[in-house]
N, C-alpha and C. Protein backbone atom coordinates (compact mmCIF):
# COMPACT_ATOMS: atom_id res chain seq x y z
N UNK A 1 0.85 -1.18 0.00
CA UNK A 1 0.00 0.00 0.00
C UNK A 1 0.89 1.24 0.00
N UNK A 2 0.61 2.18 -0.87
CA UNK A 2 1.45 3.36 -1.02
C UNK A 2 1.36 4.32 0.15
N UNK A 3 0.23 4.35 0.84
CA UNK A 3 0.09 5.29 1.95
C UNK A 3 0.93 4.89 3.15
N UNK A 4 1.31 3.63 3.25
CA UNK A 4 2.16 3.21 4.34
C UNK A 4 3.50 3.92 4.32
N UNK A 5 3.87 4.41 3.16
CA UNK A 5 5.17 5.07 3.05
C UNK A 5 5.13 6.51 3.57
N UNK A 6 3.96 7.04 3.88
CA UNK A 6 3.88 8.36 4.50
C UNK A 6 4.35 8.23 5.95
N UNK A 7 4.89 9.30 6.49
CA UNK A 7 5.37 9.19 7.86
C UNK A 7 4.21 9.19 8.84
N UNK A 8 4.51 8.96 10.10
CA UNK A 8 3.48 8.79 11.10
C UNK A 8 2.69 10.05 11.40
N UNK A 9 3.19 11.20 11.02
CA UNK A 9 2.46 12.44 11.29
C UNK A 9 1.38 12.70 10.24
N UNK A 10 1.25 11.82 9.26
CA UNK A 10 0.22 11.98 8.25
C UNK A 10 0.62 12.89 7.11
N UNK A 11 1.90 13.15 6.95
CA UNK A 11 2.37 14.00 5.87
C UNK A 11 2.25 13.25 4.55
N UNK A 12 1.69 13.90 3.57
CA UNK A 12 1.56 13.27 2.25
C UNK A 12 2.83 13.48 1.45
N UNK A 13 2.96 12.72 0.38
CA UNK A 13 4.11 12.89 -0.52
C UNK A 13 4.11 14.30 -1.12
N UNK A 14 2.93 14.84 -1.36
CA UNK A 14 2.84 16.20 -1.91
C UNK A 14 3.39 17.22 -0.92
N UNK A 15 3.08 17.05 0.36
CA UNK A 15 3.58 17.96 1.38
C UNK A 15 5.09 17.82 1.54
N UNK A 16 5.60 16.61 1.43
CA UNK A 16 7.04 16.38 1.55
C UNK A 16 7.78 17.16 0.47
N UNK A 17 7.22 17.18 -0.75
CA UNK A 17 7.85 17.89 -1.86
C UNK A 17 7.39 19.34 -1.98
N UNK A 18 6.52 19.77 -1.08
CA UNK A 18 5.99 21.15 -1.06
C UNK A 18 5.32 21.54 -2.38
N UNK A 19 4.46 20.64 -2.88
CA UNK A 19 3.70 20.91 -4.10
C UNK A 19 2.22 20.66 -3.84
N UNK A 20 1.38 21.25 -4.67
CA UNK A 20 -0.05 21.02 -4.58
C UNK A 20 -0.39 19.65 -5.14
N UNK A 21 -1.53 19.11 -4.74
CA UNK A 21 -1.93 17.77 -5.20
C UNK A 21 -2.26 17.73 -6.68
N UNK A 22 -2.53 18.88 -7.29
CA UNK A 22 -2.81 18.89 -8.72
C UNK A 22 -1.59 19.35 -9.53
N UNK A 23 -0.41 19.30 -8.90
CA UNK A 23 0.82 19.75 -9.56
C UNK A 23 1.14 18.87 -10.77
N UNK A 24 1.72 19.50 -11.80
CA UNK A 24 2.13 18.71 -12.97
C UNK A 24 3.52 18.14 -12.72
N UNK A 25 4.01 17.36 -13.67
CA UNK A 25 5.28 16.66 -13.53
C UNK A 25 6.43 17.65 -13.26
N UNK A 26 6.47 18.76 -14.01
CA UNK A 26 7.56 19.72 -13.85
C UNK A 26 7.56 20.36 -12.46
N UNK A 27 6.39 20.64 -11.93
CA UNK A 27 6.29 21.21 -10.58
C UNK A 27 6.75 20.20 -9.53
N UNK A 28 6.36 18.94 -9.73
CA UNK A 28 6.79 17.88 -8.81
C UNK A 28 8.30 17.72 -8.87
N UNK A 29 8.85 17.75 -10.06
CA UNK A 29 10.29 17.61 -10.25
C UNK A 29 11.05 18.76 -9.57
N UNK A 30 10.53 19.98 -9.73
CA UNK A 30 11.16 21.14 -9.09
C UNK A 30 11.07 21.03 -7.57
N UNK A 31 9.93 20.57 -7.06
CA UNK A 31 9.77 20.37 -5.62
C UNK A 31 10.73 19.31 -5.09
N UNK A 32 10.91 18.25 -5.87
CA UNK A 32 11.84 17.20 -5.50
C UNK A 32 13.27 17.74 -5.43
N UNK A 33 13.67 18.47 -6.45
CA UNK A 33 15.04 19.01 -6.47
C UNK A 33 15.30 19.92 -5.27
N UNK A 34 14.33 20.78 -4.95
CA UNK A 34 14.50 21.69 -3.81
C UNK A 34 14.55 20.90 -2.50
N UNK A 35 13.65 19.91 -2.37
CA UNK A 35 13.60 19.12 -1.13
C UNK A 35 14.86 18.28 -0.95
N UNK A 36 15.37 17.73 -2.03
CA UNK A 36 16.56 16.87 -1.92
C UNK A 36 17.78 17.70 -1.55
N UNK A 37 17.86 18.94 -2.06
CA UNK A 37 18.97 19.81 -1.69
C UNK A 37 18.93 20.20 -0.21
N UNK A 38 17.70 20.32 0.31
CA UNK A 38 17.54 20.71 1.72
C UNK A 38 17.69 19.53 2.68
N UNK A 39 17.79 18.32 2.16
CA UNK A 39 17.87 17.16 3.06
C UNK A 39 19.05 16.25 2.77
N UNK A 40 19.78 16.48 1.71
CA UNK A 40 20.89 15.59 1.36
C UNK A 40 22.04 15.79 2.33
N UNK A 41 22.50 14.72 2.99
CA UNK A 41 23.57 14.84 3.99
C UNK A 41 24.86 15.44 3.44
N UNK A 42 25.23 15.13 2.22
CA UNK A 42 26.46 15.67 1.65
C UNK A 42 26.37 17.17 1.42
N UNK A 43 25.21 17.66 1.09
CA UNK A 43 25.03 19.09 0.84
C UNK A 43 25.03 19.90 2.13
N UNK A 44 24.64 19.26 3.24
CA UNK A 44 24.51 19.98 4.50
C UNK A 44 25.78 19.94 5.35
N UNK A 45 26.78 19.15 4.94
CA UNK A 45 28.06 19.06 5.66
C UNK A 45 27.83 18.84 7.16
N UNK A 46 27.15 17.76 7.47
CA UNK A 46 26.78 17.48 8.85
C UNK A 46 27.99 17.07 9.69
N UNK A 47 27.99 17.47 10.95
CA UNK A 47 28.98 17.08 11.93
C UNK A 47 28.62 15.69 12.44
N UNK A 48 29.53 14.71 12.40
CA UNK A 48 29.20 13.34 12.84
C UNK A 48 28.76 13.26 14.30
N UNK A 49 29.08 14.25 15.12
CA UNK A 49 28.68 14.24 16.53
C UNK A 49 27.18 14.47 16.70
N UNK A 50 26.57 15.01 15.70
CA UNK A 50 25.13 15.31 15.77
C UNK A 50 24.34 14.11 15.24
N UNK A 51 24.48 12.97 15.90
CA UNK A 51 23.89 11.72 15.39
C UNK A 51 22.37 11.76 15.34
N UNK A 52 21.71 12.34 16.35
CA UNK A 52 20.25 12.40 16.34
C UNK A 52 19.76 13.26 15.18
N UNK A 53 20.36 14.40 14.98
CA UNK A 53 20.00 15.28 13.88
C UNK A 53 20.31 14.60 12.55
N UNK A 54 21.43 13.89 12.50
CA UNK A 54 21.82 13.16 11.30
C UNK A 54 20.78 12.10 10.96
N UNK A 55 20.28 11.39 11.97
CA UNK A 55 19.25 10.36 11.75
C UNK A 55 17.96 10.99 11.22
N UNK A 56 17.57 12.12 11.77
CA UNK A 56 16.35 12.81 11.32
C UNK A 56 16.51 13.27 9.87
N UNK A 57 17.70 13.77 9.54
CA UNK A 57 17.95 14.20 8.16
C UNK A 57 17.93 13.02 7.20
N UNK A 58 18.46 11.90 7.65
CA UNK A 58 18.45 10.70 6.81
C UNK A 58 17.01 10.24 6.56
N UNK A 59 16.17 10.28 7.59
CA UNK A 59 14.76 9.93 7.43
C UNK A 59 14.08 10.90 6.46
N UNK A 60 14.37 12.17 6.59
CA UNK A 60 13.79 13.18 5.69
C UNK A 60 14.24 12.92 4.26
N UNK A 61 15.52 12.66 4.09
CA UNK A 61 16.08 12.37 2.77
C UNK A 61 15.38 11.16 2.14
N UNK A 62 15.20 10.10 2.93
CA UNK A 62 14.54 8.89 2.41
C UNK A 62 13.07 9.15 2.08
N UNK A 63 12.40 9.99 2.88
CA UNK A 63 10.99 10.29 2.57
C UNK A 63 10.88 11.13 1.29
N UNK A 64 11.84 12.01 1.05
CA UNK A 64 11.85 12.79 -0.20
C UNK A 64 12.06 11.85 -1.38
N UNK A 65 12.98 10.91 -1.23
CA UNK A 65 13.24 9.93 -2.30
C UNK A 65 11.98 9.11 -2.61
N UNK A 66 11.30 8.65 -1.55
CA UNK A 66 10.09 7.84 -1.73
C UNK A 66 8.98 8.66 -2.38
N UNK A 67 8.83 9.90 -1.95
CA UNK A 67 7.80 10.77 -2.54
C UNK A 67 8.05 10.95 -4.03
N UNK A 68 9.29 11.17 -4.41
CA UNK A 68 9.64 11.32 -5.83
C UNK A 68 9.37 10.03 -6.59
N UNK A 69 9.74 8.91 -6.00
CA UNK A 69 9.53 7.61 -6.64
C UNK A 69 8.05 7.39 -6.96
N UNK A 70 7.19 7.74 -6.03
CA UNK A 70 5.75 7.53 -6.21
C UNK A 70 5.14 8.57 -7.15
N UNK A 71 5.46 9.85 -6.95
CA UNK A 71 4.78 10.91 -7.70
C UNK A 71 5.34 11.11 -9.11
N UNK A 72 6.54 10.65 -9.39
CA UNK A 72 7.11 10.85 -10.72
C UNK A 72 6.58 9.83 -11.73
N UNK A 73 6.04 8.74 -11.26
CA UNK A 73 5.48 7.71 -12.14
C UNK A 73 3.96 7.88 -12.20
N UNK A 74 3.41 8.00 -13.40
CA UNK A 74 1.97 8.29 -13.52
C UNK A 74 1.09 7.19 -12.93
N UNK A 75 1.49 5.94 -13.10
CA UNK A 75 0.67 4.84 -12.57
C UNK A 75 0.70 4.81 -11.05
N UNK A 76 1.90 4.89 -10.47
CA UNK A 76 1.98 4.85 -9.01
C UNK A 76 1.35 6.10 -8.40
N UNK A 77 1.43 7.24 -9.10
CA UNK A 77 0.80 8.46 -8.59
C UNK A 77 -0.73 8.31 -8.59
N UNK A 78 -1.27 7.73 -9.65
CA UNK A 78 -2.72 7.53 -9.72
C UNK A 78 -3.18 6.60 -8.60
N UNK A 79 -2.44 5.53 -8.37
CA UNK A 79 -2.78 4.61 -7.27
C UNK A 79 -2.67 5.31 -5.92
N UNK A 80 -1.63 6.10 -5.74
CA UNK A 80 -1.44 6.84 -4.49
C UNK A 80 -2.58 7.83 -4.27
N UNK A 81 -2.96 8.54 -5.33
CA UNK A 81 -4.06 9.51 -5.21
C UNK A 81 -5.37 8.82 -4.82
N UNK A 82 -5.63 7.64 -5.40
CA UNK A 82 -6.85 6.91 -5.05
C UNK A 82 -6.81 6.47 -3.59
N UNK A 83 -5.67 5.97 -3.13
CA UNK A 83 -5.54 5.57 -1.73
C UNK A 83 -5.67 6.76 -0.79
N UNK A 84 -5.10 7.88 -1.18
CA UNK A 84 -5.17 9.09 -0.38
C UNK A 84 -6.61 9.56 -0.26
N UNK A 85 -7.32 9.58 -1.37
CA UNK A 85 -8.73 9.99 -1.37
C UNK A 85 -9.56 9.03 -0.52
N UNK A 86 -9.31 7.75 -0.67
CA UNK A 86 -10.05 6.75 0.09
C UNK A 86 -9.80 6.90 1.59
N UNK A 87 -8.56 7.12 1.98
CA UNK A 87 -8.25 7.27 3.40
C UNK A 87 -8.91 8.52 3.98
N UNK A 88 -8.98 9.57 3.18
CA UNK A 88 -9.63 10.80 3.66
C UNK A 88 -11.13 10.59 3.82
N UNK A 89 -11.74 9.84 2.91
CA UNK A 89 -13.17 9.59 3.01
C UNK A 89 -13.50 8.72 4.22
N UNK A 90 -12.61 7.82 4.58
CA UNK A 90 -12.84 6.96 5.74
C UNK A 90 -12.80 7.75 7.03
N UNK A 91 -12.09 8.88 7.03
CA UNK A 91 -11.99 9.69 8.23
C UNK A 91 -13.27 10.47 8.52
N UNK A 92 -14.07 10.72 7.50
CA UNK A 92 -15.30 11.49 7.69
C UNK A 92 -16.43 10.57 8.15
N UNK A 93 -17.22 11.05 9.10
CA UNK A 93 -18.36 10.28 9.58
C UNK A 93 -19.48 10.33 8.54
N UNK A 94 -20.03 9.17 8.26
CA UNK A 94 -21.12 9.09 7.29
C UNK A 94 -22.34 8.47 7.95
N UNK A 95 -23.51 8.90 7.50
CA UNK A 95 -24.76 8.40 8.05
C UNK A 95 -25.08 7.00 7.53
N UNK A 96 -24.65 6.71 6.30
CA UNK A 96 -24.99 5.43 5.69
C UNK A 96 -24.08 5.18 4.50
N UNK A 97 -23.98 3.93 4.10
CA UNK A 97 -23.30 3.56 2.87
C UNK A 97 -24.35 2.97 1.95
N UNK A 98 -24.41 3.46 0.72
CA UNK A 98 -25.38 2.97 -0.25
C UNK A 98 -24.69 2.63 -1.55
N UNK A 99 -25.33 1.78 -2.31
CA UNK A 99 -24.83 1.44 -3.63
C UNK A 99 -25.68 2.17 -4.67
N UNK A 100 -25.20 2.19 -5.86
CA UNK A 100 -25.92 2.85 -6.95
C UNK A 100 -27.30 2.24 -7.15
N UNK A 101 -27.40 0.94 -6.94
CA UNK A 101 -28.67 0.23 -7.12
C UNK A 101 -29.74 0.68 -6.11
N UNK A 102 -29.30 1.20 -4.96
CA UNK A 102 -30.24 1.64 -3.93
C UNK A 102 -30.76 3.06 -4.18
N UNK A 103 -30.17 3.75 -5.13
CA UNK A 103 -30.57 5.13 -5.40
C UNK A 103 -31.66 5.17 -6.46
N UNK A 104 -32.47 6.20 -6.43
CA UNK A 104 -33.51 6.43 -7.42
C UNK A 104 -32.92 7.24 -8.56
N UNK A 105 -33.21 6.82 -9.80
CA UNK A 105 -32.69 7.54 -10.97
C UNK A 105 -33.81 8.38 -11.56
N UNK A 106 -33.51 9.64 -11.84
CA UNK A 106 -34.45 10.52 -12.52
C UNK A 106 -33.76 11.04 -13.78
N UNK A 107 -34.42 10.86 -14.92
CA UNK A 107 -33.86 11.31 -16.19
C UNK A 107 -34.63 12.52 -16.68
N UNK A 108 -33.89 13.59 -16.94
CA UNK A 108 -34.48 14.81 -17.49
C UNK A 108 -33.69 15.13 -18.75
N UNK A 109 -34.30 14.89 -19.90
CA UNK A 109 -33.59 15.07 -21.17
C UNK A 109 -32.48 14.04 -21.27
N UNK A 110 -31.25 14.51 -21.46
CA UNK A 110 -30.11 13.60 -21.53
C UNK A 110 -29.40 13.43 -20.19
N UNK A 111 -29.84 14.17 -19.17
CA UNK A 111 -29.17 14.13 -17.87
C UNK A 111 -29.84 13.15 -16.92
N UNK A 112 -29.01 12.43 -16.17
CA UNK A 112 -29.52 11.51 -15.16
C UNK A 112 -29.04 11.96 -13.79
N UNK A 113 -29.96 11.97 -12.83
CA UNK A 113 -29.62 12.33 -11.47
C UNK A 113 -30.03 11.19 -10.56
N UNK A 114 -29.16 10.90 -9.57
CA UNK A 114 -29.39 9.81 -8.64
C UNK A 114 -29.73 10.42 -7.28
N UNK A 115 -30.79 9.89 -6.63
CA UNK A 115 -31.28 10.41 -5.36
C UNK A 115 -31.33 9.31 -4.31
N UNK A 116 -31.11 9.72 -3.06
CA UNK A 116 -31.29 8.83 -1.91
C UNK A 116 -31.83 9.70 -0.80
N UNK A 117 -32.95 9.31 -0.20
CA UNK A 117 -33.60 10.16 0.80
C UNK A 117 -32.86 10.15 2.12
N UNK A 118 -32.68 11.35 2.67
CA UNK A 118 -32.05 11.55 3.97
C UNK A 118 -33.12 11.43 5.05
N UNK A 119 -32.70 11.15 6.27
CA UNK A 119 -33.68 11.04 7.36
C UNK A 119 -34.30 12.39 7.72
N UNK A 120 -33.69 13.50 7.26
CA UNK A 120 -34.28 14.83 7.51
C UNK A 120 -35.41 15.13 6.53
N UNK A 121 -35.57 14.30 5.50
CA UNK A 121 -36.62 14.50 4.51
C UNK A 121 -36.10 15.00 3.17
N UNK A 122 -34.92 15.59 3.14
CA UNK A 122 -34.31 16.05 1.89
C UNK A 122 -33.59 14.86 1.23
N UNK A 123 -32.77 15.16 0.25
CA UNK A 123 -32.12 14.10 -0.51
C UNK A 123 -30.62 14.31 -0.65
N UNK A 124 -29.91 13.19 -0.77
CA UNK A 124 -28.53 13.17 -1.24
C UNK A 124 -28.64 12.99 -2.73
N UNK A 125 -27.86 13.70 -3.51
CA UNK A 125 -27.98 13.53 -4.96
C UNK A 125 -26.64 13.73 -5.65
N UNK A 126 -26.54 13.12 -6.83
CA UNK A 126 -25.37 13.26 -7.69
C UNK A 126 -25.84 12.99 -9.12
N UNK A 127 -25.25 13.68 -10.06
CA UNK A 127 -25.61 13.46 -11.46
C UNK A 127 -24.59 12.53 -12.11
N UNK A 128 -25.00 11.89 -13.19
CA UNK A 128 -24.10 11.02 -13.93
C UNK A 128 -22.92 11.81 -14.49
N UNK A 129 -23.16 13.05 -14.91
CA UNK A 129 -22.06 13.87 -15.44
C UNK A 129 -21.06 14.24 -14.34
N UNK A 130 -21.53 14.46 -13.09
CA UNK A 130 -20.61 14.73 -11.98
C UNK A 130 -19.72 13.52 -11.70
N UNK A 131 -20.31 12.34 -11.75
CA UNK A 131 -19.52 11.12 -11.55
C UNK A 131 -18.52 10.93 -12.68
N UNK A 132 -18.94 11.25 -13.89
CA UNK A 132 -18.05 11.14 -15.04
C UNK A 132 -16.87 12.10 -14.92
N UNK A 133 -17.13 13.31 -14.43
CA UNK A 133 -16.08 14.32 -14.26
C UNK A 133 -14.99 13.89 -13.28
N UNK A 134 -15.37 13.11 -12.27
CA UNK A 134 -14.38 12.65 -11.29
C UNK A 134 -13.80 11.29 -11.66
N UNK A 135 -14.09 10.84 -12.88
CA UNK A 135 -13.48 9.60 -13.37
C UNK A 135 -14.25 8.34 -13.07
N UNK A 136 -15.56 8.47 -12.83
CA UNK A 136 -16.40 7.31 -12.56
C UNK A 136 -17.57 7.26 -13.55
N UNK A 137 -17.27 6.98 -14.82
CA UNK A 137 -18.34 6.96 -15.82
C UNK A 137 -19.31 5.79 -15.61
N UNK A 138 -20.56 6.00 -15.99
CA UNK A 138 -21.61 5.00 -15.81
C UNK A 138 -22.24 4.63 -17.14
N UNK A 139 -22.77 3.41 -17.21
CA UNK A 139 -23.63 2.99 -18.32
C UNK A 139 -25.05 3.06 -17.79
N UNK A 140 -25.93 3.76 -18.50
CA UNK A 140 -27.30 3.93 -18.03
C UNK A 140 -28.26 3.40 -19.09
N UNK A 141 -29.09 2.44 -18.66
CA UNK A 141 -30.13 1.86 -19.52
C UNK A 141 -31.46 2.01 -18.80
N UNK A 142 -32.25 2.98 -19.22
CA UNK A 142 -33.55 3.21 -18.60
C UNK A 142 -33.40 3.59 -17.14
N UNK A 143 -33.95 2.76 -16.26
CA UNK A 143 -33.88 3.01 -14.82
C UNK A 143 -32.77 2.24 -14.14
N UNK A 144 -31.83 1.70 -14.92
CA UNK A 144 -30.72 0.96 -14.33
C UNK A 144 -29.40 1.61 -14.71
N UNK A 145 -28.46 1.61 -13.78
CA UNK A 145 -27.14 2.17 -14.02
C UNK A 145 -26.10 1.21 -13.51
N UNK A 146 -24.99 1.13 -14.22
CA UNK A 146 -23.86 0.32 -13.78
C UNK A 146 -22.58 1.05 -14.13
N UNK A 147 -21.51 0.68 -13.43
CA UNK A 147 -20.22 1.30 -13.70
C UNK A 147 -19.76 0.86 -15.08
N UNK A 148 -19.24 1.82 -15.86
CA UNK A 148 -18.81 1.49 -17.22
C UNK A 148 -17.52 0.69 -17.18
N UNK A 149 -17.19 0.10 -18.32
CA UNK A 149 -16.02 -0.76 -18.42
C UNK A 149 -14.72 0.00 -18.15
N UNK A 150 -14.71 1.31 -18.36
CA UNK A 150 -13.48 2.08 -18.12
C UNK A 150 -13.26 2.35 -16.64
N UNK A 151 -14.29 2.21 -15.82
CA UNK A 151 -14.16 2.44 -14.39
C UNK A 151 -14.12 1.15 -13.62
N UNK A 152 -13.11 0.32 -13.83
CA UNK A 152 -13.05 -1.00 -13.24
C UNK A 152 -12.69 -1.01 -11.76
N UNK A 153 -12.12 0.03 -11.24
CA UNK A 153 -11.73 0.07 -9.84
C UNK A 153 -12.95 0.36 -8.96
N UNK A 154 -13.07 -0.32 -7.81
CA UNK A 154 -14.12 0.04 -6.88
C UNK A 154 -13.85 1.46 -6.38
N UNK A 155 -14.90 2.20 -6.13
CA UNK A 155 -14.72 3.59 -5.71
C UNK A 155 -15.84 3.97 -4.75
N UNK A 156 -15.60 5.05 -4.02
CA UNK A 156 -16.60 5.58 -3.11
C UNK A 156 -16.60 7.09 -3.23
N UNK A 157 -17.79 7.68 -3.14
CA UNK A 157 -17.95 9.13 -3.23
C UNK A 157 -18.81 9.57 -2.05
N UNK A 158 -18.38 10.62 -1.35
CA UNK A 158 -19.20 11.18 -0.27
C UNK A 158 -20.20 12.16 -0.86
N UNK A 159 -21.45 12.01 -0.45
CA UNK A 159 -22.51 12.90 -0.92
C UNK A 159 -23.14 13.60 0.28
N UNK A 160 -23.17 14.94 0.27
CA UNK A 160 -23.81 15.67 1.37
C UNK A 160 -25.31 15.76 1.14
N UNK A 161 -26.05 15.87 2.23
CA UNK A 161 -27.49 16.11 2.14
C UNK A 161 -27.71 17.54 1.68
N UNK A 162 -28.82 17.77 0.99
CA UNK A 162 -29.14 19.10 0.52
C UNK A 162 -29.54 20.07 1.62
N UNK A 163 -29.92 19.55 2.81
CA UNK A 163 -30.39 20.43 3.89
C UNK A 163 -29.61 20.32 5.18
N UNK A 164 -29.28 19.11 5.60
CA UNK A 164 -28.61 18.95 6.90
C UNK A 164 -27.13 18.64 6.71
N UNK A 165 -26.45 18.33 7.79
CA UNK A 165 -25.00 18.10 7.72
C UNK A 165 -24.63 16.64 7.49
N UNK A 166 -25.61 15.77 7.32
CA UNK A 166 -25.31 14.35 7.11
C UNK A 166 -24.71 14.09 5.73
N UNK A 167 -23.92 13.02 5.67
CA UNK A 167 -23.32 12.59 4.40
C UNK A 167 -23.50 11.09 4.27
N UNK A 168 -23.58 10.64 3.04
CA UNK A 168 -23.58 9.20 2.78
C UNK A 168 -22.38 8.88 1.89
N UNK A 169 -21.98 7.63 1.93
CA UNK A 169 -20.90 7.17 1.05
C UNK A 169 -21.56 6.32 -0.04
N UNK A 170 -21.44 6.77 -1.29
CA UNK A 170 -21.95 6.02 -2.44
C UNK A 170 -20.83 5.09 -2.88
N UNK A 171 -21.10 3.79 -2.82
CA UNK A 171 -20.12 2.77 -3.18
C UNK A 171 -20.39 2.32 -4.60
N UNK A 172 -19.37 2.42 -5.45
CA UNK A 172 -19.45 1.91 -6.81
C UNK A 172 -18.54 0.70 -6.89
N UNK A 173 -19.11 -0.44 -7.19
CA UNK A 173 -18.36 -1.70 -7.22
C UNK A 173 -17.72 -1.91 -8.58
N UNK A 174 -16.64 -2.69 -8.58
CA UNK A 174 -16.02 -3.05 -9.85
C UNK A 174 -16.90 -4.07 -10.55
N UNK A 175 -16.73 -4.14 -11.85
CA UNK A 175 -17.50 -5.09 -12.64
C UNK A 175 -16.95 -6.50 -12.42
N UNK A 176 -17.81 -7.53 -12.51
CA UNK A 176 -17.34 -8.91 -12.33
C UNK A 176 -16.45 -9.34 -13.48
């Protein structure tokens, strides 16, 4: 699991390299170069008597190396981003977990909207185009929806209620 490589304080690879999560390759590379210069033992001319500080710098150096290893590769970065998003969603309290099959579909013209009633009387909702925008395209046939073949990874999306502070987790399963 890629998130295991983050340190115990919860620092992400993006924070280690001092870049935004939507940074492009060049920004990540520049962040890596700056971070490696600030943590490389040879560049800092460390005194061997400062063993505790030396150990901390070595840990920092290794975390910078690991962050670069993960974020510089598009596949490992995509996997890391999915794990990061998933871990963040698990931290938020949710009122319920529902599947797409449990939601009501309403079609207006070419747009499809999915609803699930909240206990306050309002609804949790998401449109098919919103799911598509975040990389979870759906196949819709009448009143049935399924995850499209391009979205083979299981995924979860938090949906807020339209009126109260409750949220539900919409679980999209991978295809068999």
